[in-house]
Amino acid sequence: MIPPTSHGSDSDGDSALRQAIQQNLRQMATQLGQPMDDQVVQQLYQEASDLVGHISPAPLTLARVAGALLVYRLPGTEAEELTWFKAQLQQCQDEETVEELIESISRTDAL
């Protein structure tokens, strides 16, 4: 579970948040049958932070972006999909649009 933090410059809180998200990423990767070492998990977290840093997302949104990036790294996912997702994230103007993007990719296309 991700601990709540303030949006201030609390480096201890930021560190705890980073560690919690990275631990969740490790657990997700293992559950998906793709265990990742700490370096890869740190890279995923940093990539997520960089992609949505322009909107200062809430911890849960940052964690969801990192989780989506993890899923895009799974075998069978085409590189173009990841490229598209990253481009979409960079165009998001606020946290709500990031959440909407993540929701849209989570839906099945069984219409």
N, C-alpha and C. Protein backbone atom coordinates (compact mmCIF):
# COMPACT_ATOMS: atom_id res chain seq x y z
N MET A 1 0.84 -1.18 0.00
CA MET A 1 0.00 0.00 0.00
C MET A 1 0.88 1.24 0.00
N ILE A 2 0.46 2.26 -0.68
CA ILE A 2 1.24 3.48 -0.81
C ILE A 2 0.86 4.44 0.30
N PRO A 3 1.86 4.88 1.08
CA PRO A 3 1.56 5.79 2.18
C PRO A 3 1.21 7.18 1.66
N PRO A 4 0.30 7.87 2.35
CA PRO A 4 -0.03 9.23 1.93
C PRO A 4 1.13 10.16 2.23
N THR A 5 1.34 11.14 1.38
CA THR A 5 2.39 12.13 1.61
C THR A 5 1.84 13.49 1.30
N SER A 6 2.53 14.50 1.79
CA SER A 6 2.13 15.86 1.46
C SER A 6 2.79 16.23 0.14
N HIS A 7 2.34 17.32 -0.46
CA HIS A 7 2.91 17.76 -1.72
C HIS A 7 4.05 18.73 -1.49
N GLY A 8 4.58 18.81 -0.28
CA GLY A 8 5.69 19.70 0.02
C GLY A 8 7.01 19.09 -0.41
N SER A 9 8.11 19.66 0.05
CA SER A 9 9.42 19.17 -0.34
C SER A 9 9.99 18.27 0.74
N ASP A 10 9.18 17.40 1.28
CA ASP A 10 9.57 16.47 2.33
C ASP A 10 10.35 15.31 1.71
N SER A 11 11.67 15.40 1.78
CA SER A 11 12.48 14.38 1.11
C SER A 11 12.31 13.01 1.75
N ASP A 12 12.07 12.94 3.07
CA ASP A 12 11.82 11.65 3.70
C ASP A 12 10.52 11.05 3.19
N GLY A 13 9.49 11.86 3.06
CA GLY A 13 8.22 11.40 2.52
C GLY A 13 8.37 10.98 1.07
N ASP A 14 9.13 11.75 0.30
CA ASP A 14 9.37 11.40 -1.10
C ASP A 14 10.11 10.07 -1.20
N SER A 15 11.07 9.88 -0.32
CA SER A 15 11.84 8.64 -0.31
C SER A 15 10.96 7.45 0.07
N ALA A 16 10.11 7.63 1.06
CA ALA A 16 9.19 6.56 1.47
C ALA A 16 8.21 6.24 0.35
N LEU A 17 7.73 7.28 -0.32
CA LEU A 17 6.81 7.08 -1.44
C LEU A 17 7.51 6.31 -2.56
N ARG A 18 8.70 6.74 -2.91
CA ARG A 18 9.46 6.06 -3.97
C ARG A 18 9.67 4.59 -3.62
N GLN A 19 10.06 4.33 -2.38
CA GLN A 19 10.30 2.95 -1.95
C GLN A 19 9.01 2.12 -2.00
N ALA A 20 7.91 2.71 -1.58
CA ALA A 20 6.63 1.98 -1.58
C ALA A 20 6.20 1.64 -3.02
N ILE A 21 6.32 2.61 -3.92
CA ILE A 21 5.94 2.36 -5.31
C ILE A 21 6.86 1.32 -5.92
N GLN A 22 8.15 1.42 -5.66
CA GLN A 22 9.09 0.45 -6.21
C GLN A 22 8.83 -0.95 -5.66
N GLN A 23 8.49 -1.06 -4.39
CA GLN A 23 8.16 -2.36 -3.82
C GLN A 23 6.92 -2.94 -4.49
N ASN A 24 5.92 -2.09 -4.71
CA ASN A 24 4.70 -2.55 -5.40
C ASN A 24 5.02 -3.00 -6.82
N LEU A 25 5.90 -2.28 -7.51
CA LEU A 25 6.30 -2.67 -8.86
C LEU A 25 6.98 -4.04 -8.86
N ARG A 26 7.87 -4.27 -7.88
CA ARG A 26 8.54 -5.58 -7.77
C ARG A 26 7.51 -6.69 -7.57
N GLN A 27 6.55 -6.44 -6.69
CA GLN A 27 5.52 -7.44 -6.41
C GLN A 27 4.66 -7.70 -7.64
N MET A 28 4.27 -6.65 -8.35
CA MET A 28 3.47 -6.81 -9.56
C MET A 28 4.24 -7.61 -10.61
N ALA A 29 5.50 -7.28 -10.80
CA ALA A 29 6.32 -7.96 -11.80
C ALA A 29 6.41 -9.45 -11.48
N THR A 30 6.60 -9.77 -10.22
CA THR A 30 6.68 -11.17 -9.79
C THR A 30 5.35 -11.87 -10.03
N GLN A 31 4.25 -11.22 -9.68
CA GLN A 31 2.92 -11.80 -9.89
C GLN A 31 2.63 -12.03 -11.36
N LEU A 32 3.20 -11.18 -12.22
CA LEU A 32 3.00 -11.31 -13.66
C LEU A 32 3.98 -12.30 -14.29
N GLY A 33 4.82 -12.91 -13.45
CA GLY A 33 5.78 -13.90 -13.94
C GLY A 33 7.00 -13.28 -14.59
N GLN A 34 7.26 -12.02 -14.32
CA GLN A 34 8.40 -11.30 -14.89
C GLN A 34 9.17 -10.57 -13.81
N PRO A 35 9.77 -11.31 -12.86
CA PRO A 35 10.49 -10.63 -11.78
C PRO A 35 11.54 -9.67 -12.33
N MET A 36 11.69 -8.53 -11.66
CA MET A 36 12.64 -7.51 -12.10
C MET A 36 13.60 -7.19 -10.97
N ASP A 37 14.84 -6.90 -11.35
CA ASP A 37 15.81 -6.51 -10.33
C ASP A 37 15.59 -5.05 -9.94
N ASP A 38 16.25 -4.66 -8.87
CA ASP A 38 16.05 -3.32 -8.31
C ASP A 38 16.38 -2.22 -9.31
N GLN A 39 17.40 -2.42 -10.12
CA GLN A 39 17.78 -1.39 -11.08
C GLN A 39 16.67 -1.13 -12.09
N VAL A 40 16.06 -2.18 -12.60
CA VAL A 40 14.97 -2.03 -13.58
C VAL A 40 13.77 -1.36 -12.92
N VAL A 41 13.47 -1.75 -11.69
CA VAL A 41 12.35 -1.14 -10.96
C VAL A 41 12.61 0.34 -10.73
N GLN A 42 13.83 0.69 -10.38
CA GLN A 42 14.18 2.11 -10.18
C GLN A 42 14.05 2.88 -11.48
N GLN A 43 14.44 2.26 -12.59
CA GLN A 43 14.31 2.92 -13.89
C GLN A 43 12.84 3.15 -14.25
N LEU A 44 12.00 2.17 -13.97
CA LEU A 44 10.56 2.32 -14.23
C LEU A 44 9.99 3.48 -13.43
N TYR A 45 10.33 3.53 -12.15
CA TYR A 45 9.84 4.61 -11.29
C TYR A 45 10.30 5.97 -11.83
N GLN A 46 11.58 6.06 -12.19
CA GLN A 46 12.12 7.33 -12.67
C GLN A 46 11.47 7.73 -13.99
N GLU A 47 11.25 6.76 -14.85
CA GLU A 47 10.60 7.04 -16.13
C GLU A 47 9.18 7.57 -15.90
N ALA A 48 8.44 6.93 -15.00
CA ALA A 48 7.09 7.38 -14.68
C ALA A 48 7.13 8.81 -14.12
N SER A 49 8.06 9.06 -13.22
CA SER A 49 8.20 10.40 -12.62
C SER A 49 8.49 11.44 -13.69
N ASP A 50 9.38 11.09 -14.61
CA ASP A 50 9.74 12.03 -15.67
C ASP A 50 8.57 12.30 -16.60
N LEU A 51 7.81 11.27 -16.93
CA LEU A 51 6.71 11.41 -17.88
C LEU A 51 5.56 12.26 -17.36
N VAL A 52 5.34 12.25 -16.05
CA VAL A 52 4.23 13.03 -15.49
C VAL A 52 4.69 14.12 -14.53
N GLY A 53 5.98 14.36 -14.50
CA GLY A 53 6.53 15.38 -13.61
C GLY A 53 6.00 16.77 -13.89
N HIS A 54 5.57 17.02 -15.12
CA HIS A 54 5.07 18.34 -15.50
C HIS A 54 3.72 18.67 -14.86
N ILE A 55 3.06 17.67 -14.26
CA ILE A 55 1.77 17.95 -13.62
C ILE A 55 1.78 17.71 -12.11
N SER A 56 2.93 17.31 -11.55
CA SER A 56 3.03 17.02 -10.12
C SER A 56 1.89 16.12 -9.65
N PRO A 57 1.88 14.87 -10.09
CA PRO A 57 0.76 13.97 -9.80
C PRO A 57 0.71 13.53 -8.34
N ALA A 58 -0.47 13.12 -7.93
CA ALA A 58 -0.64 12.51 -6.61
C ALA A 58 0.10 11.17 -6.61
N PRO A 59 0.47 10.68 -5.43
CA PRO A 59 1.19 9.40 -5.36
C PRO A 59 0.48 8.25 -6.06
N LEU A 60 -0.83 8.16 -5.94
CA LEU A 60 -1.56 7.06 -6.57
C LEU A 60 -1.47 7.15 -8.09
N THR A 61 -1.56 8.34 -8.64
CA THR A 61 -1.46 8.50 -10.08
C THR A 61 -0.07 8.12 -10.56
N LEU A 62 0.96 8.54 -9.85
CA LEU A 62 2.33 8.17 -10.19
C LEU A 62 2.50 6.65 -10.16
N ALA A 63 1.94 6.03 -9.14
CA ALA A 63 2.02 4.56 -9.02
C ALA A 63 1.30 3.88 -10.18
N ARG A 64 0.17 4.42 -10.58
CA ARG A 64 -0.58 3.82 -11.70
C ARG A 64 0.18 3.97 -13.01
N VAL A 65 0.83 5.11 -13.22
CA VAL A 65 1.64 5.30 -14.43
C VAL A 65 2.79 4.30 -14.43
N ALA A 66 3.46 4.15 -13.29
CA ALA A 66 4.57 3.20 -13.20
C ALA A 66 4.08 1.78 -13.47
N GLY A 67 2.92 1.44 -12.94
CA GLY A 67 2.34 0.11 -13.18
C GLY A 67 2.01 -0.11 -14.64
N ALA A 68 1.50 0.92 -15.31
CA ALA A 68 1.20 0.81 -16.74
C ALA A 68 2.49 0.61 -17.53
N LEU A 69 3.54 1.33 -17.15
CA LEU A 69 4.82 1.15 -17.83
C LEU A 69 5.35 -0.27 -17.65
N LEU A 70 5.13 -0.82 -16.46
CA LEU A 70 5.53 -2.21 -16.20
C LEU A 70 4.80 -3.16 -17.14
N VAL A 71 3.51 -2.97 -17.29
CA VAL A 71 2.72 -3.84 -18.16
C VAL A 71 3.19 -3.72 -19.61
N TYR A 72 3.54 -2.52 -20.03
CA TYR A 72 4.02 -2.33 -21.40
C TYR A 72 5.37 -3.01 -21.64
N ARG A 73 6.07 -3.39 -20.59
CA ARG A 73 7.35 -4.09 -20.73
C ARG A 73 7.18 -5.60 -20.85
N LEU A 74 5.98 -6.09 -20.66
CA LEU A 74 5.76 -7.53 -20.72
C LEU A 74 5.97 -8.04 -22.13
N PRO A 75 6.43 -9.29 -22.24
CA PRO A 75 6.59 -9.89 -23.56
C PRO A 75 5.26 -9.89 -24.31
N GLY A 76 5.34 -9.67 -25.60
CA GLY A 76 4.13 -9.66 -26.41
C GLY A 76 3.56 -8.27 -26.63
N THR A 77 4.09 -7.29 -25.94
CA THR A 77 3.64 -5.91 -26.11
C THR A 77 4.51 -5.26 -27.17
N GLU A 78 3.89 -4.63 -28.13
CA GLU A 78 4.64 -4.01 -29.21
C GLU A 78 5.23 -2.68 -28.78
N ALA A 79 6.43 -2.40 -29.27
CA ALA A 79 7.14 -1.16 -28.91
C ALA A 79 6.33 0.08 -29.26
N GLU A 80 5.55 0.01 -30.33
CA GLU A 80 4.75 1.17 -30.74
C GLU A 80 3.71 1.53 -29.68
N GLU A 81 3.21 0.52 -28.98
CA GLU A 81 2.22 0.79 -27.93
C GLU A 81 2.83 1.61 -26.81
N LEU A 82 4.04 1.25 -26.40
CA LEU A 82 4.73 1.99 -25.35
C LEU A 82 5.04 3.41 -25.81
N THR A 83 5.49 3.54 -27.03
CA THR A 83 5.79 4.86 -27.58
C THR A 83 4.54 5.73 -27.58
N TRP A 84 3.41 5.15 -27.99
CA TRP A 84 2.14 5.88 -28.01
C TRP A 84 1.76 6.32 -26.59
N PHE A 85 1.86 5.41 -25.63
CA PHE A 85 1.48 5.71 -24.26
C PHE A 85 2.32 6.86 -23.70
N LYS A 86 3.61 6.80 -23.93
CA LYS A 86 4.50 7.87 -23.44
C LYS A 86 4.14 9.21 -24.07
N ALA A 87 3.87 9.20 -25.36
CA ALA A 87 3.50 10.44 -26.04
C ALA A 87 2.19 11.00 -25.48
N GLN A 88 1.24 10.12 -25.21
CA GLN A 88 -0.04 10.55 -24.64
C GLN A 88 0.16 11.16 -23.25
N LEU A 89 1.01 10.54 -22.44
CA LEU A 89 1.27 11.06 -21.09
C LEU A 89 1.85 12.47 -21.14
N GLN A 90 2.76 12.69 -22.06
CA GLN A 90 3.41 13.99 -22.15
C GLN A 90 2.45 15.08 -22.59
N GLN A 91 1.35 14.69 -23.23
CA GLN A 91 0.35 15.67 -23.67
C GLN A 91 -0.70 15.95 -22.59
N CYS A 92 -0.75 15.13 -21.55
CA CYS A 92 -1.75 15.33 -20.50
C CYS A 92 -1.48 16.65 -19.77
N GLN A 93 -2.54 17.41 -19.57
CA GLN A 93 -2.42 18.72 -18.95
C GLN A 93 -2.65 18.71 -17.45
N ASP A 94 -3.25 17.62 -16.95
CA ASP A 94 -3.52 17.54 -15.51
C ASP A 94 -3.67 16.08 -15.11
N GLU A 95 -3.81 15.89 -13.82
CA GLU A 95 -3.90 14.54 -13.27
C GLU A 95 -5.14 13.80 -13.78
N GLU A 96 -6.23 14.52 -13.94
CA GLU A 96 -7.46 13.90 -14.41
C GLU A 96 -7.28 13.27 -15.80
N THR A 97 -6.59 13.96 -16.69
CA THR A 97 -6.39 13.41 -18.03
C THR A 97 -5.45 12.20 -18.00
N VAL A 98 -4.51 12.18 -17.07
CA VAL A 98 -3.64 11.00 -16.90
C VAL A 98 -4.49 9.81 -16.45
N GLU A 99 -5.34 10.05 -15.47
CA GLU A 99 -6.21 8.98 -14.97
C GLU A 99 -7.14 8.48 -16.07
N GLU A 100 -7.69 9.40 -16.87
CA GLU A 100 -8.57 9.00 -17.97
C GLU A 100 -7.81 8.16 -19.00
N LEU A 101 -6.57 8.54 -19.28
CA LEU A 101 -5.75 7.77 -20.21
C LEU A 101 -5.54 6.35 -19.70
N ILE A 102 -5.18 6.23 -18.43
CA ILE A 102 -4.93 4.91 -17.84
C ILE A 102 -6.22 4.08 -17.87
N GLU A 103 -7.34 4.71 -17.54
CA GLU A 103 -8.61 3.99 -17.59
C GLU A 103 -8.92 3.53 -19.01
N SER A 104 -8.63 4.36 -19.99
CA SER A 104 -8.96 4.01 -21.37
C SER A 104 -8.13 2.82 -21.85
N ILE A 105 -6.91 2.68 -21.41
CA ILE A 105 -6.10 1.54 -21.85
C ILE A 105 -6.42 0.29 -21.04
N SER A 106 -7.09 0.46 -19.92
CA SER A 106 -7.47 -0.69 -19.08
C SER A 106 -8.72 -1.39 -19.57
N ARG A 107 -9.53 -0.69 -20.34
CA ARG A 107 -10.78 -1.26 -20.83
C ARG A 107 -10.52 -2.29 -21.91
N THR A 108 -11.35 -3.29 -21.95
CA THR A 108 -11.25 -4.26 -23.03
C THR A 108 -11.99 -3.75 -24.24
N ASP A 109 -11.58 -4.17 -25.39
CA ASP A 109 -12.21 -3.73 -26.63
C ASP A 109 -13.25 -4.75 -27.10
N ALA A 110 -14.08 -5.18 -26.19
CA ALA A 110 -15.07 -6.22 -26.52
C ALA A 110 -16.41 -5.62 -26.90
N LEU A 111 -16.39 -4.48 -27.55
CA LEU A 111 -17.65 -3.82 -27.91
C LEU A 111 -18.34 -4.54 -29.04
